[in-house]
């Protein structure tokens, strides 16, 4: 799947079709994307970063050890 968000400056746009899509049925959609939608998505991401940034700063966590522990938990699931 290819998804590309652009701001067209003219009516014509050249689209490159990947080799694996040749000789197959494909759907090409052109939909307007409201600035409100883009701003809402961006705001959501910013909110998540604000809520979580620095959350572990007072913890004495060794990132490598933490990663080993998480992997061990997943490995022992069977």
Protein backbone atom coordinates (compact mmCIF):
# COMPACT_ATOMS: atom_id res chain seq x y z
CA UNK A 1 0.00 0.00 0.00
CA UNK A 2 1.18 3.48 -0.78
CA UNK A 3 -0.12 6.47 1.05
CA UNK A 4 1.13 9.91 0.25
CA UNK A 5 -0.11 13.24 1.57
CA UNK A 6 0.71 16.16 -0.68
CA UNK A 7 -0.30 19.76 -1.19
CA UNK A 8 -0.83 20.01 -4.94
CA UNK A 9 0.21 23.25 -6.60
CA UNK A 10 -1.34 22.40 -9.98
CA UNK A 11 -4.10 20.19 -11.35
CA UNK A 12 -1.84 17.51 -12.83
CA UNK A 13 0.10 15.08 -10.68
CA UNK A 14 2.31 12.25 -11.93
CA UNK A 15 1.89 9.05 -9.97
CA UNK A 16 4.48 6.26 -10.06
CA UNK A 17 2.99 2.79 -9.76
CA UNK A 18 5.24 0.14 -8.11
CA UNK A 19 6.23 -2.83 -10.26
CA UNK A 20 4.29 -5.31 -8.09
CA UNK A 21 1.06 -3.42 -8.80
CA UNK A 22 1.37 -3.58 -12.58
CA UNK A 23 -1.26 -5.67 -14.40
CA UNK A 24 -3.46 -5.71 -11.29
CA UNK A 25 -6.57 -3.83 -10.29
CA UNK A 26 -5.66 -0.89 -8.05
CA UNK A 27 -7.74 1.83 -6.46
CA UNK A 28 -6.58 5.42 -6.58
CA UNK A 29 -8.37 7.87 -4.32
CA UNK A 30 -8.04 11.62 -4.13
CA UNK A 31 -9.60 13.00 -0.97
CA UNK A 32 -9.34 16.43 0.59
CA UNK A 33 -7.70 16.44 3.97
CA UNK A 34 -9.02 19.15 6.22
CA UNK A 35 -6.51 21.21 8.15
CA UNK A 36 -8.61 20.45 11.24
CA UNK A 37 -7.96 16.72 10.79
CA UNK A 38 -4.23 17.27 10.42
CA UNK A 39 -4.13 19.62 13.40
CA UNK A 40 -6.16 17.19 15.52
CA UNK A 41 -3.76 14.32 14.77
CA UNK A 42 -0.77 16.53 15.52
CA UNK A 43 -2.35 17.80 18.74
CA UNK A 44 -3.00 14.23 19.88
CA UNK A 45 0.64 13.29 19.35
CA UNK A 46 1.83 16.41 21.13
CA UNK A 47 -0.50 15.67 24.07
CA UNK A 48 0.87 12.12 24.38
CA UNK A 49 4.44 13.40 24.39
CA UNK A 50 3.62 16.07 26.98
CA UNK A 51 1.87 13.55 29.25
CA UNK A 52 4.67 10.98 29.09
CA UNK A 53 7.87 12.99 28.73
CA UNK A 54 10.02 12.77 31.83
CA UNK A 55 7.76 10.19 33.46
CA UNK A 56 10.73 7.95 34.27
CA UNK A 57 13.32 10.63 35.05
CA UNK A 58 13.28 9.97 38.81
CA UNK A 59 13.51 6.20 38.37
CA UNK A 60 16.91 4.55 38.39
CA UNK A 61 16.41 2.42 35.30
CA UNK A 62 19.15 0.83 33.24
CA UNK A 63 17.66 0.77 29.72
CA UNK A 64 19.57 -2.33 28.68
CA UNK A 65 18.55 -4.27 31.77
CA UNK A 66 14.96 -3.13 31.36
CA UNK A 67 14.99 -4.37 27.76
CA UNK A 68 16.44 -7.74 28.83
CA UNK A 69 13.70 -8.11 31.45
CA UNK A 70 10.94 -7.28 28.96
CA UNK A 71 12.35 -9.77 26.46
CA UNK A 72 12.63 -12.44 29.14
CA UNK A 73 8.97 -11.89 30.04
CA UNK A 74 7.98 -12.39 26.42
CA UNK A 75 10.23 -15.43 26.01
CA UNK A 76 8.73 -17.13 29.05
CA UNK A 77 5.14 -16.79 27.77
CA UNK A 78 5.04 -20.22 26.19
